[in-house]
Amino acid sequence: MELHIETRTRENAHIIDIKGDVDLYSSPQMRKCIFKTIKQHHPANLIVELSRVTYMDSSGIATLVEGLQLSDEYHTRLKLVGPSQAVLEVFQLSRLEGAFTMYTTEDDAFRDT
């Protein structure tokens, strides 16, 4: 499935909505969007909405790790929302689920600001 990315703002956060497959070929598109949002807007919170991601491989996880590192440099809180069980399993296999702050819903992520 092709990757679709949209950005929006809500209160004190920028939100990146991701839909489709995040793999070796599409993860650079996600990386570009995450990096651009952090570098141009310096948001207090960056939410990456993953509930419509149907597949993610290790390159997608690596991209999110890069985003997490950049967010630390810019003092932005990177929050992941709604990863499916399949996506969570990739995080668990990489032993990186503890490195990220994850929420079930976008509203949950906003309650923790």
PDB file of N, CA and C in Angstrom:
ATOM      1  N   MET A   1       0.843  -1.184   0.000  1.00  0.00           N
ATOM      2  CA  MET A   1       0.000   0.000   0.000  1.00  0.00           C
ATOM      3  C   MET A   1       0.883   1.241   0.000  1.00  0.00           C
ATOM      4  N   GLU A   2       0.522   2.184  -0.816  1.00  0.00           N
ATOM      5  CA  GLU A   2       1.265   3.423  -0.940  1.00  0.00           C
ATOM      6  C   GLU A   2       1.202   4.229   0.353  1.00  0.00           C
ATOM      7  N   LEU A   3       2.239   4.990   0.621  1.00  0.00           N
ATOM      8  CA  LEU A   3       2.306   5.801   1.830  1.00  0.00           C
ATOM      9  C   LEU A   3       1.695   7.178   1.567  1.00  0.00           C
ATOM     10  N   HIS A   4       0.828   7.612   2.486  1.00  0.00           N
ATOM     11  CA  HIS A   4       0.236   8.948   2.432  1.00  0.00           C
ATOM     12  C   HIS A   4       0.549   9.643   3.751  1.00  0.00           C
ATOM     13  N   ILE A   5       1.025  10.875   3.660  1.00  0.00           N
ATOM     14  CA  ILE A   5       1.375  11.641   4.856  1.00  0.00           C
ATOM     15  C   ILE A   5       0.711  13.003   4.781  1.00  0.00           C
ATOM     16  N   GLU A   6       0.045  13.373   5.876  1.00  0.00           N
ATOM     17  CA  GLU A   6      -0.555  14.700   5.992  1.00  0.00           C
ATOM     18  C   GLU A   6      -0.122  15.302   7.317  1.00  0.00           C
ATOM     19  N   THR A   7      -0.006  16.610   7.348  1.00  0.00           N
ATOM     20  CA  THR A   7       0.346  17.295   8.592  1.00  0.00           C
ATOM     21  C   THR A   7      -0.772  18.257   8.964  1.00  0.00           C
ATOM     22  N   ARG A   8      -0.910  18.468  10.259  1.00  0.00           N
ATOM     23  CA  ARG A   8      -1.903  19.407  10.778  1.00  0.00           C
ATOM     24  C   ARG A   8      -1.443  19.874  12.153  1.00  0.00           C
ATOM     25  N   THR A   9      -2.111  20.874  12.668  1.00  0.00           N
ATOM     26  CA  THR A   9      -1.797  21.361  14.013  1.00  0.00           C
ATOM     27  C   THR A   9      -3.042  21.249  14.881  1.00  0.00           C
ATOM     28  N   ARG A  10      -2.800  21.092  16.157  1.00  0.00           N
ATOM     29  CA  ARG A  10      -3.865  21.070  17.167  1.00  0.00           C
ATOM     30  C   ARG A  10      -3.243  21.589  18.454  1.00  0.00           C
ATOM     31  N   GLU A  11      -3.799  22.645  18.968  1.00  0.00           N
ATOM     32  CA  GLU A  11      -3.302  23.268  20.192  1.00  0.00           C
ATOM     33  C   GLU A  11      -1.794  23.497  20.094  1.00  0.00           C
ATOM     34  N   ASN A  12      -1.017  22.885  20.995  1.00  0.00           N
ATOM     35  CA  ASN A  12       0.431  23.134  21.026  1.00  0.00           C
ATOM     36  C   ASN A  12       1.221  22.023  20.341  1.00  0.00           C
ATOM     37  N   ALA A  13       0.600  21.367  19.366  1.00  0.00           N
ATOM     38  CA  ALA A  13       1.281  20.235  18.729  1.00  0.00           C
ATOM     39  C   ALA A  13       1.139  20.270  17.213  1.00  0.00           C
ATOM     40  N   HIS A  14       2.136  19.733  16.575  1.00  0.00           N
ATOM     41  CA  HIS A  14       2.054  19.422  15.158  1.00  0.00           C
ATOM     42  C   HIS A  14       1.806  17.919  15.073  1.00  0.00           C
ATOM     43  N   ILE A  15       0.931  17.529  14.167  1.00  0.00           N
ATOM     44  CA  ILE A  15       0.561  16.123  14.029  1.00  0.00           C
ATOM     45  C   ILE A  15       0.881  15.674  12.620  1.00  0.00           C
ATOM     46  N   ILE A  16       1.537  14.529  12.542  1.00  0.00           N
ATOM     47  CA  ILE A  16       1.826  13.916  11.249  1.00  0.00           C
ATOM     48  C   ILE A  16       0.993  12.644  11.165  1.00  0.00           C
ATOM     49  N   ASP A  17       0.030  12.649  10.243  1.00  0.00           N
ATOM     50  CA  ASP A  17      -0.835  11.490  10.019  1.00  0.00           C
ATOM     51  C   ASP A  17      -0.215  10.632   8.932  1.00  0.00           C
ATOM     52  N   ILE A  18       0.030   9.371   9.254  1.00  0.00           N
ATOM     53  CA  ILE A  18       0.667   8.459   8.310  1.00  0.00           C
ATOM     54  C   ILE A  18      -0.303   7.330   7.994  1.00  0.00           C
ATOM     55  N   LYS A  19      -0.449   7.037   6.713  1.00  0.00           N
ATOM     56  CA  LYS A  19      -1.347   5.970   6.273  1.00  0.00           C
ATOM     57  C   LYS A  19      -0.630   5.118   5.232  1.00  0.00           C
ATOM     58  N   GLY A  20      -0.674   3.794   5.422  1.00  0.00           N
ATOM     59  CA  GLY A  20      -0.085   2.886   4.446  1.00  0.00           C
ATOM     60  C   GLY A  20       1.084   2.120   5.017  1.00  0.00           C
ATOM     61  N   ASP A  21       1.976   1.711   4.130  1.00  0.00           N
ATOM     62  CA  ASP A  21       3.135   0.907   4.492  1.00  0.00           C
ATOM     63  C   ASP A  21       4.372   1.785   4.640  1.00  0.00           C
ATOM     64  N   VAL A  22       5.092   1.578   5.735  1.00  0.00           N
ATOM     65  CA  VAL A  22       6.360   2.274   5.952  1.00  0.00           C
ATOM     66  C   VAL A  22       7.453   1.223   5.831  1.00  0.00           C
ATOM     67  N   ASP A  23       8.202   1.311   4.736  1.00  0.00           N
ATOM     68  CA  ASP A  23       9.236   0.323   4.480  1.00  0.00           C
ATOM     69  C   ASP A  23      10.486   1.014   3.944  1.00  0.00           C
ATOM     70  N   LEU A  24      11.422   0.220   3.474  1.00  0.00           N
ATOM     71  CA  LEU A  24      12.699   0.743   2.979  1.00  0.00           C
ATOM     72  C   LEU A  24      12.504   1.825   1.915  1.00  0.00           C
ATOM     73  N   TYR A  25      11.473   1.676   1.086  1.00  0.00           N
ATOM     74  CA  TYR A  25      11.256   2.611  -0.024  1.00  0.00           C
ATOM     75  C   TYR A  25      10.490   3.861   0.397  1.00  0.00           C
ATOM     76  N   SER A  26       9.596   3.723   1.383  1.00  0.00           N
ATOM     77  CA  SER A  26       8.768   4.870   1.765  1.00  0.00           C
ATOM     78  C   SER A  26       9.251   5.588   3.021  1.00  0.00           C
ATOM     79  N   SER A  27      10.100   4.950   3.825  1.00  0.00           N
ATOM     80  CA  SER A  27      10.529   5.595   5.068  1.00  0.00           C
ATOM     81  C   SER A  27      11.270   6.920   4.841  1.00  0.00           C
ATOM     82  N   PRO A  28      12.009   7.110   3.735  1.00  0.00           N
ATOM     83  CA  PRO A  28      12.621   8.430   3.526  1.00  0.00           C
ATOM     84  C   PRO A  28      11.587   9.556   3.423  1.00  0.00           C
ATOM     85  N   GLN A  29      10.410   9.254   2.899  1.00  0.00           N
ATOM     86  CA  GLN A  29       9.339  10.247   2.815  1.00  0.00           C
ATOM     87  C   GLN A  29       8.872  10.638   4.226  1.00  0.00           C
ATOM     88  N   MET A  30       8.721   9.646   5.102  1.00  0.00           N
ATOM     89  CA  MET A  30       8.327   9.919   6.475  1.00  0.00           C
ATOM     90  C   MET A  30       9.432  10.705   7.191  1.00  0.00           C
ATOM     91  N   ARG A  31      10.680  10.324   6.980  1.00  0.00           N
ATOM     92  CA  ARG A  31      11.817  11.012   7.601  1.00  0.00           C
ATOM     93  C   ARG A  31      11.842  12.481   7.204  1.00  0.00           C
ATOM     94  N   LYS A  32      11.665  12.742   5.917  1.00  0.00           N
ATOM     95  CA  LYS A  32      11.690  14.109   5.413  1.00  0.00           C
ATOM     96  C   LYS A  32      10.611  14.953   6.090  1.00  0.00           C
ATOM     97  N   CYS A  33       9.422  14.395   6.247  1.00  0.00           N
ATOM     98  CA  CYS A  33       8.321  15.124   6.874  1.00  0.00           C
ATOM     99  C   CYS A  33       8.592  15.385   8.358  1.00  0.00           C
ATOM    100  N   ILE A  34       9.069  14.384   9.071  1.00  0.00           N
ATOM    101  CA  ILE A  34       9.373  14.550  10.496  1.00  0.00           C
ATOM    102  C   ILE A  34      10.463  15.606  10.686  1.00  0.00           C
ATOM    103  N   PHE A  35      11.547  15.490   9.925  1.00  0.00           N
ATOM    104  CA  PHE A  35      12.657  16.429  10.062  1.00  0.00           C
ATOM    105  C   PHE A  35      12.232  17.849   9.699  1.00  0.00           C
ATOM    106  N   LYS A  36      11.482  17.992   8.626  1.00  0.00           N
ATOM    107  CA  LYS A  36      11.029  19.321   8.194  1.00  0.00           C
ATOM    108  C   LYS A  36      10.147  19.954   9.266  1.00  0.00           C
ATOM    109  N   THR A  37       9.234  19.187   9.818  1.00  0.00           N
ATOM    110  CA  THR A  37       8.324  19.715  10.837  1.00  0.00           C
ATOM    111  C   THR A  37       9.096  20.175  12.070  1.00  0.00           C
ATOM    112  N   ILE A  38      10.024  19.364  12.531  1.00  0.00           N
ATOM    113  CA  ILE A  38      10.796  19.730  13.721  1.00  0.00           C
ATOM    114  C   ILE A  38      11.676  20.945  13.444  1.00  0.00           C
ATOM    115  N   LYS A  39      12.403  20.935  12.339  1.00  0.00           N
ATOM    116  CA  LYS A  39      13.353  22.015  12.059  1.00  0.00           C
ATOM    117  C   LYS A  39      12.679  23.338  11.734  1.00  0.00           C
ATOM    118  N   GLN A  40      11.545  23.304  11.041  1.00  0.00           N
ATOM    119  CA  GLN A  40      10.887  24.557  10.654  1.00  0.00           C
ATOM    120  C   GLN A  40       9.984  25.126  11.735  1.00  0.00           C
ATOM    121  N   HIS A  41       9.335  24.250  12.506  1.00  0.00           N
ATOM    122  CA  HIS A  41       8.310  24.732  13.432  1.00  0.00           C
ATOM    123  C   HIS A  41       8.704  24.650  14.912  1.00  0.00           C
ATOM    124  N   HIS A  42       9.717  23.871  15.248  1.00  0.00           N
ATOM    125  CA  HIS A  42      10.140  23.705  16.645  1.00  0.00           C
ATOM    126  C   HIS A  42       8.939  23.480  17.569  1.00  0.00           C
ATOM    127  N   PRO A  43       8.060  22.524  17.254  1.00  0.00           N
ATOM    128  CA  PRO A  43       6.864  22.352  18.090  1.00  0.00           C
ATOM    129  C   PRO A  43       7.216  21.831  19.481  1.00  0.00           C
ATOM    130  N   ALA A  44       6.396  22.210  20.467  1.00  0.00           N
ATOM    131  CA  ALA A  44       6.575  21.660  21.815  1.00  0.00           C
ATOM    132  C   ALA A  44       6.294  20.160  21.791  1.00  0.00           C
ATOM    133  N   ASN A  45       5.304  19.777  20.988  1.00  0.00           N
ATOM    134  CA  ASN A  45       4.923  18.376  20.865  1.00  0.00           C
ATOM    135  C   ASN A  45       4.776  18.017  19.390  1.00  0.00           C
ATOM    136  N   LEU A  46       5.313  16.869  19.027  1.00  0.00           N
ATOM    137  CA  LEU A  46       5.125  16.326  17.679  1.00  0.00           C
ATOM    138  C   LEU A  46       4.487  14.954  17.848  1.00  0.00           C
ATOM    139  N   ILE A  47       3.305  14.822  17.301  1.00  0.00           N
ATOM    140  CA  ILE A  47       2.580  13.562  17.389  1.00  0.00           C
ATOM    141  C   ILE A  47       2.635  12.882  16.040  1.00  0.00           C
ATOM    142  N   VAL A  48       3.081  11.642  16.039  1.00  0.00           N
ATOM    143  CA  VAL A  48       3.089  10.835  14.815  1.00  0.00           C
ATOM    144  C   VAL A  48       1.962   9.825  14.957  1.00  0.00           C
ATOM    145  N   GLU A  49       0.926  10.019  14.173  1.00  0.00           N
ATOM    146  CA  GLU A  49      -0.280   9.201  14.214  1.00  0.00           C
ATOM    147  C   GLU A  49      -0.059   7.962  13.334  1.00  0.00           C
ATOM    148  N   LEU A  50      -0.005   6.806  13.990  1.00  0.00           N
ATOM    149  CA  LEU A  50       0.333   5.556  13.300  1.00  0.00           C
ATOM    150  C   LEU A  50      -0.842   4.588  13.162  1.00  0.00           C
ATOM    151  N   SER A  51      -2.034   4.989  13.566  1.00  0.00           N
ATOM    152  CA  SER A  51      -3.150   4.035  13.593  1.00  0.00           C
ATOM    153  C   SER A  51      -3.549   3.524  12.211  1.00  0.00           C
ATOM    154  N   ARG A  52      -3.177   4.237  11.163  1.00  0.00           N
ATOM    155  CA  ARG A  52      -3.519   3.774   9.812  1.00  0.00           C
ATOM    156  C   ARG A  52      -2.302   3.232   9.055  1.00  0.00           C
ATOM    157  N   VAL A  53      -1.245   2.944   9.810  1.00  0.00           N
ATOM    158  CA  VAL A  53      -0.072   2.289   9.209  1.00  0.00           C
ATOM    159  C   VAL A  53      -0.360   0.788   9.182  1.00  0.00           C
ATOM    160  N   THR A  54      -0.334   0.228   7.992  1.00  0.00           N
ATOM    161  CA  THR A  54      -0.676  -1.186   7.837  1.00  0.00           C
ATOM    162  C   THR A  54       0.538  -2.097   7.962  1.00  0.00           C
ATOM    163  N   TYR A  55       1.727  -1.538   7.742  1.00  0.00           N
ATOM    164  CA  TYR A  55       2.954  -2.339   7.806  1.00  0.00           C
ATOM    165  C   TYR A  55       4.105  -1.401   8.082  1.00  0.00           C
ATOM    166  N   MET A  56       5.034  -1.844   8.935  1.00  0.00           N
ATOM    167  CA  MET A  56       6.255  -1.078   9.167  1.00  0.00           C
ATOM    168  C   MET A  56       7.399  -2.059   9.353  1.00  0.00           C
ATOM    169  N   ASP A  57       8.495  -1.817   8.636  1.00  0.00           N
ATOM    170  CA  ASP A  57       9.673  -2.665   8.815  1.00  0.00           C
ATOM    171  C   ASP A  57      10.715  -1.917   9.638  1.00  0.00           C
ATOM    172  N   SER A  58      11.874  -2.514   9.776  1.00  0.00           N
ATOM    173  CA  SER A  58      12.912  -1.926  10.626  1.00  0.00           C
ATOM    174  C   SER A  58      13.392  -0.571  10.121  1.00  0.00           C
ATOM    175  N   SER A  59      13.288  -0.316   8.821  1.00  0.00           N
ATOM    176  CA  SER A  59      13.700   1.002   8.325  1.00  0.00           C
ATOM    177  C   SER A  59      12.744   2.086   8.818  1.00  0.00           C
ATOM    178  N   GLY A  60      11.469   1.748   8.988  1.00  0.00           N
ATOM    179  CA  GLY A  60      10.520   2.698   9.564  1.00  0.00           C
ATOM    180  C   GLY A  60      10.842   2.989  11.013  1.00  0.00           C
ATOM    181  N   ILE A  61      11.211   1.939  11.758  1.00  0.00           N
ATOM    182  CA  ILE A  61      11.606   2.119  13.158  1.00  0.00           C
ATOM    183  C   ILE A  61      12.862   2.987  13.224  1.00  0.00           C
ATOM    184  N   ALA A  62      13.826   2.723  12.351  1.00  0.00           N
ATOM    185  CA  ALA A  62      15.066   3.511  12.331  1.00  0.00           C
ATOM    186  C   ALA A  62      14.766   4.978  12.045  1.00  0.00           C
ATOM    187  N   THR A  63      13.815   5.236  11.157  1.00  0.00           N
ATOM    188  CA  THR A  63      13.426   6.606  10.851  1.00  0.00           C
ATOM    189  C   THR A  63      12.836   7.285  12.085  1.00  0.00           C
ATOM    190  N   LEU A  64      11.997   6.564  12.821  1.00  0.00           N
ATOM    191  CA  LEU A  64      11.421   7.129  14.044  1.00  0.00           C
ATOM    192  C   LEU A  64      12.498   7.373  15.103  1.00  0.00           C
ATOM    193  N   VAL A  65      13.502   6.505  15.171  1.00  0.00           N
ATOM    194  CA  VAL A  65      14.623   6.722  16.100  1.00  0.00           C
ATOM    195  C   VAL A  65      15.365   8.003  15.723  1.00  0.00           C
ATOM    196  N   GLU A  66      15.611   8.202  14.428  1.00  0.00           N
ATOM    197  CA  GLU A  66      16.256   9.439  13.986  1.00  0.00           C
ATOM    198  C   GLU A  66      15.408  10.658  14.362  1.00  0.00           C
ATOM    199  N   GLY A  67      14.092  10.535  14.194  1.00  0.00           N
ATOM    200  CA  GLY A  67      13.191  11.622  14.571  1.00  0.00           C
ATOM    201  C   GLY A  67      13.237  11.894  16.063  1.00  0.00           C
ATOM    202  N   LEU A  68      13.327  10.826  16.855  1.00  0.00           N
ATOM    203  CA  LEU A  68      13.422  10.971  18.307  1.00  0.00           C
ATOM    204  C   LEU A  68      14.709  11.699  18.692  1.00  0.00           C
ATOM    205  N   GLN A  69      15.807  11.340  18.052  1.00  0.00           N
ATOM    206  CA  GLN A  69      17.084  12.005  18.332  1.00  0.00           C
ATOM    207  C   GLN A  69      17.029  13.487  17.966  1.00  0.00           C
ATOM    208  N   LEU A  70      16.440  13.797  16.813  1.00  0.00           N
ATOM    209  CA  LEU A  70      16.333  15.194  16.393  1.00  0.00           C
ATOM    210  C   LEU A  70      15.390  15.960  17.317  1.00  0.00           C
ATOM    211  N   SER A  71      14.310  15.323  17.733  1.00  0.00           N
ATOM    212  CA  SER A  71      13.363  15.995  18.622  1.00  0.00           C
ATOM    213  C   SER A  71      14.033  16.353  19.947  1.00  0.00           C
ATOM    214  N   ASP A  72      14.931  15.509  20.428  1.00  0.00           N
ATOM    215  CA  ASP A  72      15.676  15.837  21.651  1.00  0.00           C
ATOM    216  C   ASP A  72      16.523  17.092  21.456  1.00  0.00           C
ATOM    217  N   GLU A  73      17.154  17.198  20.297  1.00  0.00           N
ATOM    218  CA  GLU A  73      17.989  18.372  20.007  1.00  0.00           C
ATOM    219  C   GLU A  73      17.170  19.661  20.002  1.00  0.00           C
ATOM    220  N   TYR A  74      15.910  19.571  19.528  1.00  0.00           N
ATOM    221  CA  TYR A  74      15.055  20.744  19.392  1.00  0.00           C
ATOM    222  C   TYR A  74      14.085  20.900  20.572  1.00  0.00           C
ATOM    223  N   HIS A  75      14.253  20.083  21.600  1.00  0.00           N
ATOM    224  CA  HIS A  75      13.399  20.135  22.793  1.00  0.00           C
ATOM    225  C   HIS A  75      11.922  19.957  22.447  1.00  0.00           C
ATOM    226  N   THR A  76      11.677  19.021  21.546  1.00  0.00           N
ATOM    227  CA  THR A  76      10.326  18.658  21.128  1.00  0.00           C
ATOM    228  C   THR A  76      10.001  17.294  21.714  1.00  0.00           C
ATOM    229  N   ARG A  77       8.787  17.139  22.238  1.00  0.00           N
ATOM    230  CA  ARG A  77       8.351  15.824  22.721  1.00  0.00           C
ATOM    231  C   ARG A  77       7.745  15.054  21.554  1.00  0.00           C
ATOM    232  N   LEU A  78       8.373  13.963  21.177  1.00  0.00           N
ATOM    233  CA  LEU A  78       7.864  13.110  20.100  1.00  0.00           C
ATOM    234  C   LEU A  78       6.974  12.046  20.722  1.00  0.00           C
ATOM    235  N   LYS A  79       5.732  11.995  20.254  1.00  0.00           N
ATOM    236  CA  LYS A  79       4.762  11.041  20.781  1.00  0.00           C
ATOM    237  C   LYS A  79       4.211  10.208  19.624  1.00  0.00           C
ATOM    238  N   LEU A  80       4.113   8.919  19.836  1.00  0.00           N
ATOM    239  CA  LEU A  80       3.537   8.026  18.838  1.00  0.00           C
ATOM    240  C   LEU A  80       2.131   7.647  19.281  1.00  0.00           C
ATOM    241  N   VAL A  81       1.204   7.658  18.340  1.00  0.00           N
ATOM    242  CA  VAL A  81      -0.191   7.368  18.662  1.00  0.00           C
ATOM    243  C   VAL A  81      -0.713   6.219  17.808  1.00  0.00           C
ATOM    244  N   GLY A  82      -1.371   5.283  18.486  1.00  0.00           N
ATOM    245  CA  GLY A  82      -2.153   4.249  17.825  1.00  0.00           C
ATOM    246  C   GLY A  82      -1.448   3.198  17.015  1.00  0.00           C
ATOM    247  N   PRO A  83      -0.225   2.801  17.374  1.00  0.00           N
ATOM    248  CA  PRO A  83       0.400   1.752  16.563  1.00  0.00           C
ATOM    249  C   PRO A  83      -0.387   0.445  16.666  1.00  0.00           C
ATOM    250  N   SER A  84      -0.561  -0.217  15.537  1.00  0.00           N
ATOM    251  CA  SER A  84      -1.272  -1.495  15.519  1.00  0.00           C
ATOM    252  C   SER A  84      -0.422  -2.566  16.202  1.00  0.00           C
ATOM    253  N   GLN A  85      -1.011  -3.706  16.447  1.00  0.00           N
ATOM    254  CA  GLN A  85      -0.273  -4.811  17.071  1.00  0.00           C
ATOM    255  C   GLN A  85       0.914  -5.219  16.202  1.00  0.00           C
ATOM    256  N   ALA A  86       0.721  -5.231  14.893  1.00  0.00           N
ATOM    257  CA  ALA A  86       1.807  -5.603  13.977  1.00  0.00           C
ATOM    258  C   ALA A  86       2.969  -4.618  14.069  1.00  0.00           C
ATOM    259  N   VAL A  87       2.656  -3.341  14.149  1.00  0.00           N
ATOM    260  CA  VAL A  87       3.704  -2.318  14.271  1.00  0.00           C
ATOM    261  C   VAL A  87       4.374  -2.419  15.638  1.00  0.00           C
ATOM    262  N   LEU A  88       3.585  -2.643  16.683  1.00  0.00           N
ATOM    263  CA  LEU A  88       4.169  -2.813  18.016  1.00  0.00           C
ATOM    264  C   LEU A  88       5.140  -3.989  18.057  1.00  0.00           C
ATOM    265  N   GLU A  89       4.827  -5.044  17.341  1.00  0.00           N
ATOM    266  CA  GLU A  89       5.714  -6.210  17.316  1.00  0.00           C
ATOM    267  C   GLU A  89       7.069  -5.873  16.715  1.00  0.00           C
ATOM    268  N   VAL A  90       7.099  -4.997  15.713  1.00  0.00           N
ATOM    269  CA  VAL A  90       8.377  -4.581  15.128  1.00  0.00           C
ATOM    270  C   VAL A  90       9.177  -3.786  16.156  1.00  0.00           C
ATOM    271  N   PHE A  91       8.487  -2.917  16.918  1.00  0.00           N
ATOM    272  CA  PHE A  91       9.162  -2.189  17.999  1.00  0.00           C
ATOM    273  C   PHE A  91       9.728  -3.174  19.021  1.00  0.00           C
ATOM    274  N   GLN A  92       8.936  -4.175  19.374  1.00  0.00           N
ATOM    275  CA  GLN A  92       9.365  -5.144  20.377  1.00  0.00           C
ATOM    276  C   GLN A  92      10.536  -5.989  19.870  1.00  0.00           C
ATOM    277  N   LEU A  93      10.482  -6.402  18.612  1.00  0.00           N
ATOM    278  CA  LEU A  93      11.594  -7.174  18.045  1.00  0.00           C
ATOM    279  C   LEU A  93      12.882  -6.366  18.037  1.00  0.00           C
ATOM    280  N   SER A  94      12.759  -5.048  17.820  1.00  0.00           N
ATOM    281  CA  SER A  94      13.937  -4.180  17.824  1.00  0.00           C
ATOM    282  C   SER A  94      14.325  -3.767  19.232  1.00  0.00           C
ATOM    283  N   ARG A  95      13.479  -4.130  20.201  1.00  0.00           N
ATOM    284  CA  ARG A  95      13.685  -3.765  21.605  1.00  0.00           C
ATOM    285  C   ARG A  95      13.732  -2.254  21.805  1.00  0.00           C
ATOM    286  N   LEU A  96      12.869  -1.560  21.043  1.00  0.00           N
ATOM    287  CA  LEU A  96      12.849  -0.101  21.116  1.00  0.00           C
ATOM    288  C   LEU A  96      11.523   0.466  21.595  1.00  0.00           C
ATOM    289  N   GLU A  97      10.572  -0.403  21.970  1.00  0.00           N
ATOM    290  CA  GLU A  97       9.275   0.123  22.384  1.00  0.00           C
ATOM    291  C   GLU A  97       9.393   1.024  23.610  1.00  0.00           C
ATOM    292  N   GLY A  98      10.374   0.770  24.471  1.00  0.00           N
ATOM    293  CA  GLY A  98      10.558   1.592  25.662  1.00  0.00           C
ATOM    294  C   GLY A  98      11.208   2.939  25.388  1.00  0.00           C
ATOM    295  N   ALA A  99      11.774   3.105  24.208  1.00  0.00           N
ATOM    296  CA  ALA A  99      12.440   4.369  23.869  1.00  0.00           C
ATOM    297  C   ALA A  99      11.437   5.462  23.499  1.00  0.00           C
ATOM    298  N   PHE A 100      10.215   5.045  23.162  1.00  0.00           N
ATOM    299  CA  PHE A 100       9.210   5.983  22.680  1.00  0.00           C
ATOM    300  C   PHE A 100       8.061   6.118  23.669  1.00  0.00           C
ATOM    301  N   THR A 101       7.459   7.295  23.665  1.00  0.00           N
ATOM    302  CA  THR A 101       6.230   7.507  24.418  1.00  0.00           C
ATOM    303  C   THR A 101       5.088   7.202  23.456  1.00  0.00           C
ATOM    304  N   MET A 102       4.283   6.184  23.799  1.00  0.00           N
ATOM    305  CA  MET A 102       3.199   5.754  22.918  1.00  0.00           C
ATOM    306  C   MET A 102       1.858   5.896  23.624  1.00  0.00           C
ATOM    307  N   TYR A 103       0.858   6.257  22.829  1.00  0.00           N
ATOM    308  CA  TYR A 103      -0.498   6.443  23.331  1.00  0.00           C
ATOM    309  C   TYR A 103      -1.473   5.695  22.435  1.00  0.00           C
ATOM    310  N   THR A 104      -2.595   5.317  23.027  1.00  0.00           N
ATOM    311  CA  THR A 104      -3.624   4.618  22.272  1.00  0.00           C
ATOM    312  C   THR A 104      -4.365   5.566  21.345  1.00  0.00           C
ATOM    313  N   THR A 105      -4.684   6.774  21.851  1.00  0.00           N
ATOM    314  CA  THR A 105      -5.423   7.753  21.050  1.00  0.00           C
ATOM    315  C   THR A 105      -4.735   9.100  21.063  1.00  0.00           C
ATOM    316  N   GLU A 106      -5.110   9.928  20.114  1.00  0.00           N
ATOM    317  CA  GLU A 106      -4.577  11.290  20.052  1.00  0.00           C
ATOM    318  C   GLU A 106      -4.986  12.077  21.296  1.00  0.00           C
ATOM    319  N   ASP A 107      -6.220  11.891  21.757  1.00  0.00           N
ATOM    320  CA  ASP A 107      -6.661  12.597  22.957  1.00  0.00           C
ATOM    321  C   ASP A 107      -5.818  12.211  24.170  1.00  0.00           C
ATOM    322  N   ASP A 108      -5.430  10.942  24.266  1.00  0.00           N
ATOM    323  CA  ASP A 108      -4.547  10.514  25.352  1.00  0.00           C
ATOM    324  C   ASP A 108      -3.212  11.270  25.294  1.00  0.00           C
ATOM    325  N   ALA A 109      -2.684  11.429  24.096  1.00  0.00           N
ATOM    326  CA  ALA A 109      -1.417  12.143  23.927  1.00  0.00           C
ATOM    327  C   ALA A 109      -1.554  13.601  24.347  1.00  0.00           C
ATOM    328  N   PHE A 110      -2.717  14.216  24.091  1.00  0.00           N
ATOM    329  CA  PHE A 110      -2.927  15.608  24.483  1.00  0.00           C
ATOM    330  C   PHE A 110      -3.137  15.765  25.977  1.00  0.00           C
ATOM    331  N   ARG A 111      -3.686  14.756  26.617  1.00  0.00           N
ATOM    332  CA  ARG A 111      -3.869  14.843  28.068  1.00  0.00           C
ATOM    333  C   ARG A 111      -2.519  14.818  28.786  1.00  0.00           C
ATOM    334  N   ASP A 112      -1.488  14.300  28.126  1.00  0.00           N
ATOM    335  CA  ASP A 112      -0.154  14.202  28.709  1.00  0.00           C
ATOM    336  C   ASP A 112       0.767  15.256  28.114  1.00  0.00           C
ATOM    337  N   THR A 113       0.460  16.531  28.379  1.00  0.00           N
ATOM    338  CA  THR A 113       1.316  17.601  27.854  1.00  0.00           C
ATOM    339  C   THR A 113       1.905  18.405  28.985  1.00  0.00           C
TER     340      THR A 113
END
